[in-house]
């Protein structure tokens, strides 16, 4: 997101350019030791993200998105 005078410039997803891999800041990962049962290191939350997003687009627009990456012209 971009800000000007303390305000977000994007009003919605249609005017927000998604971050590309080359633009991504360095990500630092820490594995926390625990005696709890193993459950992954974050990956379990990734697979349902795309279906949740396209279902939200369908609810908002009535149009199904059938391929990724999602482009504005395909979502409305």
Protein backbone atom coordinates (compact mmCIF):
# COMPACT_ATOMS: atom_id res chain seq x y z
CA UNK A 1 0.00 0.00 0.00
CA UNK A 2 1.10 3.56 -0.49
CA UNK A 3 0.42 6.44 1.86
CA UNK A 4 0.18 10.19 1.38
CA UNK A 5 -0.23 12.59 4.31
CA UNK A 6 -0.92 9.60 6.56
CA UNK A 7 -3.73 8.20 4.39
CA UNK A 8 -3.84 5.03 2.32
CA UNK A 9 -4.03 5.86 -1.40
CA UNK A 10 -5.72 2.64 -2.52
CA UNK A 11 -9.46 2.50 -1.99
CA UNK A 12 -9.90 -1.20 -2.81
CA UNK A 13 -8.21 -4.15 -4.51
CA UNK A 14 -8.87 -2.75 -7.98
CA UNK A 15 -6.27 -0.01 -7.52
CA UNK A 16 -3.76 -2.00 -5.48
CA UNK A 17 -0.87 -3.51 -7.43
CA UNK A 18 0.12 -6.81 -5.83
CA UNK A 19 3.69 -7.18 -4.62
CA UNK A 20 5.95 -9.18 -6.96
CA UNK A 21 8.52 -11.66 -5.65
CA UNK A 22 11.38 -9.34 -6.70
CA UNK A 23 9.79 -6.54 -4.63
CA UNK A 24 9.29 -8.64 -1.51
CA UNK A 25 11.36 -7.61 1.50
CA UNK A 26 13.59 -10.19 3.14
CA UNK A 27 11.58 -12.56 5.29
CA UNK A 28 13.12 -13.83 8.50
CA UNK A 29 11.75 -17.11 9.85
CA UNK A 30 12.07 -18.31 13.43
CA UNK A 31 11.12 -21.82 14.49
CA UNK A 32 9.89 -21.79 18.08
CA UNK A 33 10.70 -24.88 20.10
CA UNK A 34 7.67 -26.38 21.82
CA UNK A 35 6.57 -29.56 23.56
CA UNK A 36 3.19 -29.34 21.79
CA UNK A 37 2.19 -31.79 19.06
CA UNK A 38 3.74 -30.94 15.70
CA UNK A 39 1.44 -28.95 13.43
CA UNK A 40 3.59 -27.32 10.76
CA UNK A 41 5.53 -24.10 10.51
CA UNK A 42 2.97 -21.89 8.79
CA UNK A 43 2.28 -23.73 5.55
CA UNK A 44 -1.14 -25.08 6.63
CA UNK A 45 -2.64 -21.59 6.32
CA UNK A 46 -1.47 -21.03 2.73
CA UNK A 47 -3.59 -23.47 0.64
CA UNK A 48 -7.02 -22.08 1.68
CA UNK A 49 -6.05 -18.44 0.96
CA UNK A 50 -6.73 -18.49 -2.81
CA UNK A 51 -10.10 -20.29 -2.56
CA UNK A 52 -11.19 -17.90 0.20
CA UNK A 53 -10.26 -14.90 -1.95
CA UNK A 54 -11.99 -16.13 -5.12
CA UNK A 55 -15.10 -17.02 -3.11
CA UNK A 56 -15.13 -13.48 -1.70
CA UNK A 57 -14.84 -12.11 -5.26
CA UNK A 58 -17.76 -14.31 -6.30
CA UNK A 59 -19.87 -13.11 -3.38
CA UNK A 60 -19.09 -9.48 -4.25
CA UNK A 61 -19.40 -9.65 -8.04
CA UNK A 62 -21.29 -12.83 -8.93
CA UNK A 63 -18.44 -13.86 -11.26
CA UNK A 64 -16.32 -16.97 -10.71
CA UNK A 65 -12.55 -16.69 -10.98
CA UNK A 66 -11.17 -19.91 -12.46
CA UNK A 67 -7.43 -19.17 -12.85
CA UNK A 68 -4.55 -17.48 -11.06
CA UNK A 69 -3.13 -14.89 -10.91
CA UNK A 70 -6.33 -12.92 -10.50
CA UNK A 71 -6.58 -9.91 -12.80
CA UNK A 72 -9.14 -7.14 -12.43
CA UNK A 73 -10.49 -7.75 -15.94
CA UNK A 74 -11.23 -11.38 -15.02
CA UNK A 75 -12.77 -10.64 -11.63
CA UNK A 76 -15.51 -8.20 -12.68
